[in-house]
Amino acid sequence: MSIDQLSENDLHFKEFETLAYTQGFDLVGYTNWSITDEEKNYISKWVLDGKHGDMDWFAKPQSMEIRLEGKHLGFKPERVICLGMLYRSQTAEILSKTAKYKVSRYALGRDYHTVIRRQAKPLLQHLKTRHPGFHFRLSVDSLPIPEKAFARKSGIGWMGKNTNLIHPKLGSYFFLSTILTDLPFSYEPDMITDHCGSCRACMDACPTQALVAPYQLDASLCISHHNIESKKPMGEGNRERASWLYGCDICQEVCPWNAKVAERNGVETRVLDYAPKSIFTDPNQAVSKPMSPEEFQEIFSDSAIYRIGVDKWNENIKLVL
């Protein structure tokens, strides 16, 4: 995007992006609210084939109408502001290599939903003050919208074969959030070229073959789905989940844009809330020990892990021991 070519009335891009950076966001992009017929057909078939697994909310009629048509939002969205916030840290990288029982990097610290909402408040206030009479609605995994499709079109990154968004300098360890608006500002998106090429490291590394084809994930096979979303016991005999207590980063760990480029660039989050909790870093605390409801509440009440509940957490522990 050539910001210098934009009218001063067009969302005050420079001012907005400076504010976003001071609030801990590392990437900003802009795009239309638009879903191509190809994207609609892919999403619809993905649901019809049951590849959303136990995520029943994904397939609800109202969720599909929001996702595909932009309905039920209280206003008709015209544009989408996409935000990326890094969570990669060197501490998390070390843990990924040394921890016997693993938790996905994004869940090692405080709940990103809470952190991003807090950090985005000044951005929303800025937009509402600059543009009274228009709607601005933040979504942090809180609306059934195709965030990755919007982010790709906004120029934040390209869609990798592991279905994660990848930035050519930062890798893929960043959170996505969006601000939907009916403000019809002009913009010049500059989409990033797909650099996956012939690489299939993520597909070959996935122990459950959840990446059924390039750029296609069958969530019902994904380790993260089983230890977070699924309500069905995975079974003690199924060891493909390896040592993952919560989530799984395998398809991102082997990606050269993380393992090589982000490592070489020293990519590090600027948000202290994402620092790993002591239960993951203190050798005197046993992460593999089953917890009481009280212990779970005390340790994970401000974590993304909290929403799976103590019973699911203890079940996950049992399955990896």
Protein backbone atom coordinates (compact mmCIF):
# COMPACT_ATOMS: atom_id res chain seq x y z
CA MET A 1 0.00 0.00 0.00
CA SER A 2 1.29 3.47 -0.86
CA ILE A 3 0.03 5.44 2.12
CA ASP A 4 1.48 8.72 0.83
CA GLN A 5 -0.95 8.60 -2.09
CA LEU A 6 -4.01 8.41 0.14
CA SER A 7 -6.26 11.36 0.81
CA GLU A 8 -5.97 12.88 4.27
CA ASN A 9 -9.66 12.06 4.72
CA ASP A 10 -9.16 8.38 4.00
CA LEU A 11 -9.09 6.97 7.53
CA HIS A 12 -5.94 8.95 8.49
CA PHE A 13 -3.89 5.85 7.74
CA LYS A 14 -0.54 7.01 9.07
CA GLU A 15 -1.99 8.20 12.34
CA PHE A 16 -4.01 5.02 12.76
CA GLU A 17 -1.09 2.73 11.99
CA THR A 18 1.20 4.61 14.38
CA LEU A 19 -1.39 4.23 17.12
CA ALA A 20 -1.80 0.53 16.28
CA TYR A 21 1.95 0.00 16.62
CA THR A 22 2.10 1.75 19.99
CA GLN A 23 -0.68 -0.59 21.14
CA GLY A 24 1.36 -3.68 20.31
CA PHE A 25 0.03 -4.48 16.84
CA ASP A 26 2.70 -5.33 14.29
CA LEU A 27 0.67 -5.60 11.09
CA VAL A 28 -2.20 -3.56 9.63
CA GLY A 29 -4.04 -4.16 6.37
CA TYR A 30 -7.24 -3.03 4.67
CA THR A 31 -9.68 -4.76 2.34
CA ASN A 32 -13.27 -4.85 1.14
CA TRP A 33 -15.85 -7.01 2.84
CA SER A 34 -16.21 -9.41 -0.03
CA ILE A 35 -16.24 -13.18 -0.38
CA THR A 36 -15.69 -14.66 -3.84
CA ASP A 37 -17.94 -17.41 -5.15
CA GLU A 38 -14.93 -19.73 -5.06
CA GLU A 39 -14.38 -18.98 -1.37
CA LYS A 40 -18.08 -19.41 -0.60
CA ASN A 41 -18.18 -22.76 -2.37
CA TYR A 42 -15.04 -23.95 -0.59
CA ILE A 43 -16.37 -23.00 2.86
CA SER A 44 -19.78 -24.53 2.17
CA LYS A 45 -18.27 -27.80 0.94
CA TRP A 46 -15.84 -27.87 3.88
CA VAL A 47 -18.80 -27.77 6.26
CA LEU A 48 -20.88 -30.21 4.20
CA ASP A 49 -17.99 -32.70 4.28
CA GLY A 50 -17.84 -32.42 8.07
CA LYS A 51 -14.28 -31.10 8.13
CA HIS A 52 -15.20 -28.68 10.92
CA GLY A 53 -15.32 -31.66 13.29
CA ASP A 54 -17.11 -30.99 16.58
CA MET A 55 -17.20 -27.23 16.06
CA ASP A 56 -20.97 -27.24 15.69
CA TRP A 57 -21.14 -23.46 16.00
CA PHE A 58 -19.28 -23.16 12.69
CA ALA A 59 -22.10 -24.76 10.70
CA LYS A 60 -25.08 -23.00 12.30
CA PRO A 61 -27.25 -21.23 9.70
CA GLN A 62 -26.78 -17.80 11.24
CA SER A 63 -23.02 -18.32 11.46
CA MET A 64 -22.91 -19.23 7.77
CA GLU A 65 -24.99 -16.19 6.84
CA ILE A 66 -22.60 -13.92 8.73
CA ARG A 67 -19.56 -15.62 7.21
CA LEU A 68 -20.76 -15.71 3.61
CA GLU A 69 -23.16 -12.77 3.37
CA GLY A 70 -22.19 -10.33 6.12
CA LYS A 71 -25.66 -10.49 7.67
CA HIS A 72 -26.76 -10.13 11.34
CA LEU A 73 -23.98 -7.66 12.22
CA GLY A 74 -26.20 -4.66 12.96
CA PHE A 75 -24.90 -2.85 9.88
CA LYS A 76 -23.72 -3.72 6.38
CA PRO A 77 -19.91 -3.93 6.45
CA GLU A 78 -18.09 -2.24 3.59
CA ARG A 79 -14.47 -2.55 4.67
CA VAL A 80 -12.33 -4.69 6.97
CA ILE A 81 -9.30 -3.44 8.90
CA CYS A 82 -7.03 -6.40 9.65
CA LEU A 83 -4.62 -6.39 12.58
CA GLY A 84 -1.76 -8.74 13.36
CA MET A 85 -0.09 -9.04 16.78
CA LEU A 86 3.00 -11.18 17.28
CA TYR A 87 3.14 -13.72 20.08
CA ARG A 88 6.44 -15.37 19.17
CA SER A 89 9.11 -15.19 21.86
CA GLN A 90 12.52 -16.72 22.36
CA THR A 91 11.36 -18.18 25.67
CA ALA A 92 8.55 -20.01 23.88
CA GLU A 93 10.98 -21.27 21.25
CA ILE A 94 13.24 -22.72 23.93
CA LEU A 95 10.25 -24.34 25.66
CA SER A 96 9.19 -25.96 22.39
CA LYS A 97 12.53 -27.75 22.28
CA THR A 98 12.91 -28.64 25.96
CA ALA A 99 9.44 -29.18 27.42
CA LYS A 100 8.35 -32.80 27.75
CA TYR A 101 4.67 -31.84 27.66
CA LYS A 102 3.77 -29.08 25.27
CA VAL A 103 1.25 -26.28 25.01
CA SER A 104 0.73 -24.30 21.82
CA ARG A 105 2.74 -21.08 21.90
CA TYR A 106 -0.33 -18.87 21.63
CA ALA A 107 -1.70 -20.22 24.93
CA LEU A 108 1.45 -20.01 27.07
CA GLY A 109 0.62 -16.53 28.36
CA ARG A 110 -2.52 -14.56 29.06
CA ASP A 111 -5.69 -14.98 27.00
CA TYR A 112 -5.15 -13.18 23.69
CA HIS A 113 -8.86 -12.37 23.42
CA THR A 114 -8.64 -10.19 26.52
CA VAL A 115 -5.28 -8.69 25.61
CA ILE A 116 -6.25 -7.74 22.05
CA ARG A 117 -9.60 -6.25 23.11
CA ARG A 118 -7.81 -4.11 25.67
CA GLN A 119 -5.09 -3.00 23.26
CA ALA A 120 -7.62 -2.26 20.49
CA LYS A 121 -9.83 0.03 22.58
CA PRO A 122 -7.84 3.18 21.72
CA LEU A 123 -8.00 2.22 18.04
CA LEU A 124 -11.78 1.98 18.12
CA GLN A 125 -12.02 5.26 19.99
CA HIS A 126 -9.77 6.92 17.43
CA LEU A 127 -11.91 5.69 14.54
CA LYS A 128 -15.18 6.65 16.18
CA THR A 129 -13.90 10.11 17.01
CA ARG A 130 -12.55 10.70 13.51
CA HIS A 131 -15.59 9.27 11.77
CA PRO A 132 -18.77 9.85 13.82
CA GLY A 133 -21.89 8.28 12.40
CA PHE A 134 -20.13 5.15 11.15
CA HIS A 135 -19.94 1.72 12.77
CA PHE A 136 -16.72 0.03 13.90
CA ARG A 137 -16.94 -3.48 15.34
CA LEU A 138 -13.97 -5.42 16.67
CA SER A 139 -13.75 -9.18 16.26
CA VAL A 140 -11.21 -11.31 18.12
CA ASP A 141 -12.36 -14.82 17.21
CA SER A 142 -15.76 -13.56 18.38
CA LEU A 143 -17.57 -13.45 15.04
CA PRO A 144 -17.89 -16.26 12.47
CA ILE A 145 -16.10 -14.36 9.71
CA PRO A 146 -13.34 -15.52 7.31
CA GLU A 147 -10.54 -13.59 9.06
CA LYS A 148 -7.70 -15.31 7.22
CA ALA A 149 -9.26 -14.65 3.82
CA PHE A 150 -9.66 -10.97 4.67
CA ALA A 151 -6.13 -10.75 6.08
CA ARG A 152 -4.66 -12.35 2.98
CA LYS A 153 -6.46 -9.89 0.72
CA SER A 154 -5.37 -7.00 2.94
CA GLY A 155 -1.69 -7.79 2.37
CA ILE A 156 -0.81 -8.99 5.87
CA GLY A 157 0.51 -12.28 4.52
CA TRP A 158 -0.14 -15.23 2.25
CA MET A 159 -2.07 -18.37 3.09
CA GLY A 160 0.38 -21.18 3.71
CA LYS A 161 -0.18 -24.83 2.86
CA ASN A 162 -0.77 -25.34 6.59
CA THR A 163 -3.70 -22.86 6.25
CA ASN A 164 -1.96 -20.33 8.51
CA LEU A 165 -1.19 -16.82 7.34
CA ILE A 166 2.55 -16.28 6.78
CA HIS A 167 4.44 -12.98 6.70
CA PRO A 168 7.71 -13.01 4.70
CA LYS A 169 9.74 -11.43 7.55
CA LEU A 170 7.79 -12.37 10.67
CA GLY A 171 6.60 -15.93 10.03
CA SER A 172 3.17 -17.08 11.22
CA TYR A 173 3.20 -16.75 15.01
CA PHE A 174 0.82 -13.82 15.19
CA PHE A 175 -2.79 -13.31 16.20
CA LEU A 176 -5.37 -11.97 13.78
CA SER A 177 -8.19 -9.62 14.68
CA THR A 178 -10.43 -7.42 12.56
CA ILE A 179 -12.40 -4.21 12.73
CA LEU A 180 -15.51 -4.24 10.56
CA THR A 181 -16.87 -0.93 9.36
CA ASP A 182 -19.41 0.65 7.03
CA LEU A 183 -17.04 3.54 6.35
CA PRO A 184 -16.33 3.27 2.58
CA PHE A 185 -12.72 4.50 2.68
CA SER A 186 -10.41 4.05 -0.28
CA TYR A 187 -7.26 1.94 -0.02
CA GLU A 188 -4.69 0.20 -2.17
CA PRO A 189 -4.11 -3.36 -0.92
CA ASP A 190 -0.86 -4.96 -1.92
CA MET A 191 -1.30 -8.72 -1.64
CA ILE A 192 1.80 -10.73 -0.76
CA THR A 193 2.80 -13.44 -3.23
CA ASP A 194 2.55 -17.05 -2.09
CA HIS A 195 6.09 -18.20 -1.30
CA CYS A 196 5.35 -21.81 -0.29
CA GLY A 197 6.49 -23.06 -3.68
CA SER A 198 7.14 -26.81 -3.76
CA CYS A 199 7.69 -27.02 0.01
CA ARG A 200 5.46 -29.50 1.81
CA ALA A 201 7.22 -29.63 5.18
CA CYS A 202 4.00 -28.92 7.10
CA MET A 203 2.04 -31.60 5.28
CA ASP A 204 4.73 -34.23 5.75
CA ALA A 205 5.19 -33.39 9.44
CA CYS A 206 1.54 -33.56 10.52
CA PRO A 207 1.25 -36.84 12.46
CA THR A 208 -2.50 -37.17 11.83
CA GLN A 209 -2.43 -36.15 8.15
CA ALA A 210 -4.88 -33.36 8.93
CA LEU A 211 -3.50 -31.35 6.00
CA VAL A 212 -5.30 -33.46 3.43
CA ALA A 213 -4.06 -31.35 0.51
CA PRO A 214 -2.11 -28.12 0.08
CA TYR A 215 -4.08 -25.29 1.75
CA GLN A 216 -6.73 -27.71 3.02
CA LEU A 217 -7.20 -28.67 6.66
CA ASP A 218 -9.53 -31.37 7.92
CA ALA A 219 -10.07 -30.01 11.43
CA SER A 220 -11.62 -33.29 12.56
CA LEU A 221 -8.15 -34.88 12.22
CA CYS A 222 -6.16 -32.03 13.77
CA ILE A 223 -4.50 -32.57 17.16
CA SER A 224 -5.56 -29.07 18.26
CA HIS A 225 -9.15 -29.94 17.50
CA HIS A 226 -9.00 -33.07 19.62
CA ASN A 227 -7.38 -31.55 22.69
CA ILE A 228 -9.39 -28.29 22.59
CA GLU A 229 -12.65 -28.51 20.66
CA SER A 230 -13.61 -32.16 20.50
CA LYS A 231 -16.07 -33.51 23.03
CA LYS A 232 -15.22 -37.09 22.11
CA PRO A 233 -12.41 -38.90 23.93
CA MET A 234 -9.48 -39.37 21.59
CA GLY A 235 -8.64 -42.74 23.08
CA GLU A 236 -5.61 -43.83 25.03
CA GLY A 237 -4.32 -45.88 22.12
CA ASN A 238 -4.07 -42.88 19.82
CA ARG A 239 -0.56 -41.54 20.30
CA GLU A 240 -0.41 -39.31 17.24
CA ARG A 241 -1.09 -36.40 19.55
CA ALA A 242 2.46 -36.97 20.87
CA SER A 243 3.12 -34.74 23.89
CA TRP A 244 0.65 -31.94 23.17
CA LEU A 245 -1.49 -31.05 26.18
CA TYR A 246 -3.20 -28.12 24.51
CA GLY A 247 -3.10 -27.21 20.85
CA CYS A 248 -0.35 -28.19 18.44
CA ASP A 249 2.33 -26.16 16.61
CA ILE A 250 3.94 -28.90 14.54
CA CYS A 251 2.88 -27.55 11.13
CA GLN A 252 4.21 -24.10 12.11
CA GLU A 253 7.40 -25.33 13.78
CA VAL A 254 8.62 -27.05 10.62
CA CYS A 255 7.71 -24.14 8.35
CA PRO A 256 10.96 -22.54 7.13
CA TRP A 257 9.43 -19.08 7.47
CA ASN A 258 9.33 -19.71 11.22
CA ALA A 259 12.24 -22.09 11.75
CA LYS A 260 14.66 -20.09 9.60
CA VAL A 261 13.41 -16.62 8.67
CA ALA A 262 11.69 -15.58 11.91
CA GLU A 263 14.52 -17.10 13.93
CA ARG A 264 17.15 -15.29 11.87
CA ASN A 265 15.23 -12.02 12.17
CA GLY A 266 14.91 -12.38 15.94
CA VAL A 267 11.14 -11.94 15.80
CA GLU A 268 9.82 -11.21 19.29
CA THR A 269 6.46 -10.01 20.59
CA ARG A 270 6.38 -6.60 22.25
CA VAL A 271 3.42 -7.60 24.43
CA LEU A 272 4.51 -8.75 27.89
CA ASP A 273 1.17 -10.47 28.53
CA TYR A 274 2.22 -13.26 26.16
CA ALA A 275 5.21 -14.27 28.31
CA PRO A 276 4.80 -17.94 29.31
CA LYS A 277 3.19 -18.57 32.70
CA SER A 278 5.41 -19.89 35.46
CA ILE A 279 3.74 -23.32 35.38
CA PHE A 280 5.40 -23.80 31.99
CA THR A 281 8.79 -22.35 32.89
CA ASP A 282 9.29 -23.27 36.56
CA PRO A 283 10.78 -26.77 36.90
CA ASN A 284 9.29 -26.98 40.39
CA GLN A 285 5.75 -26.85 38.97
CA ALA A 286 4.55 -30.07 37.35
CA VAL A 287 2.41 -29.21 34.33
CA SER A 288 1.59 -32.91 33.87
CA LYS A 289 -0.01 -33.25 37.29
CA PRO A 290 -3.85 -33.43 37.23
CA MET A 291 -5.47 -30.37 38.81
CA SER A 292 -8.38 -29.75 41.10
CA PRO A 293 -11.01 -27.25 39.92
CA GLU A 294 -9.57 -24.74 42.37
CA GLU A 295 -6.02 -25.15 41.08
CA PHE A 296 -7.17 -24.89 37.47
CA GLN A 297 -9.10 -21.70 38.27
CA GLU A 298 -6.12 -20.13 40.02
CA ILE A 299 -3.62 -20.92 37.29
CA PHE A 300 -5.64 -20.57 34.08
CA SER A 301 -8.48 -18.12 34.80
CA ASP A 302 -6.74 -15.50 32.64
CA SER A 303 -5.62 -17.97 29.96
CA ALA A 304 -7.10 -19.24 26.70
CA ILE A 305 -6.74 -22.70 28.24
CA TYR A 306 -9.44 -21.88 30.79
CA ARG A 307 -12.31 -22.35 28.37
CA ILE A 308 -11.71 -26.10 27.91
CA GLY A 309 -12.33 -26.66 31.62
CA VAL A 310 -10.52 -28.70 34.21
CA ASP A 311 -12.00 -32.05 33.13
CA LYS A 312 -10.76 -31.68 29.56
CA TRP A 313 -7.36 -30.51 30.80
CA ASN A 314 -6.99 -33.52 33.07
CA GLU A 315 -8.14 -35.83 30.28
CA ASN A 316 -5.45 -34.36 28.02
CA ILE A 317 -2.84 -34.99 30.71
CA LYS A 318 -3.94 -38.61 31.06
CA LEU A 319 -3.66 -39.18 27.31
CA VAL A 320 -0.08 -37.91 26.98
CA LEU A 321 1.41 -39.60 30.03
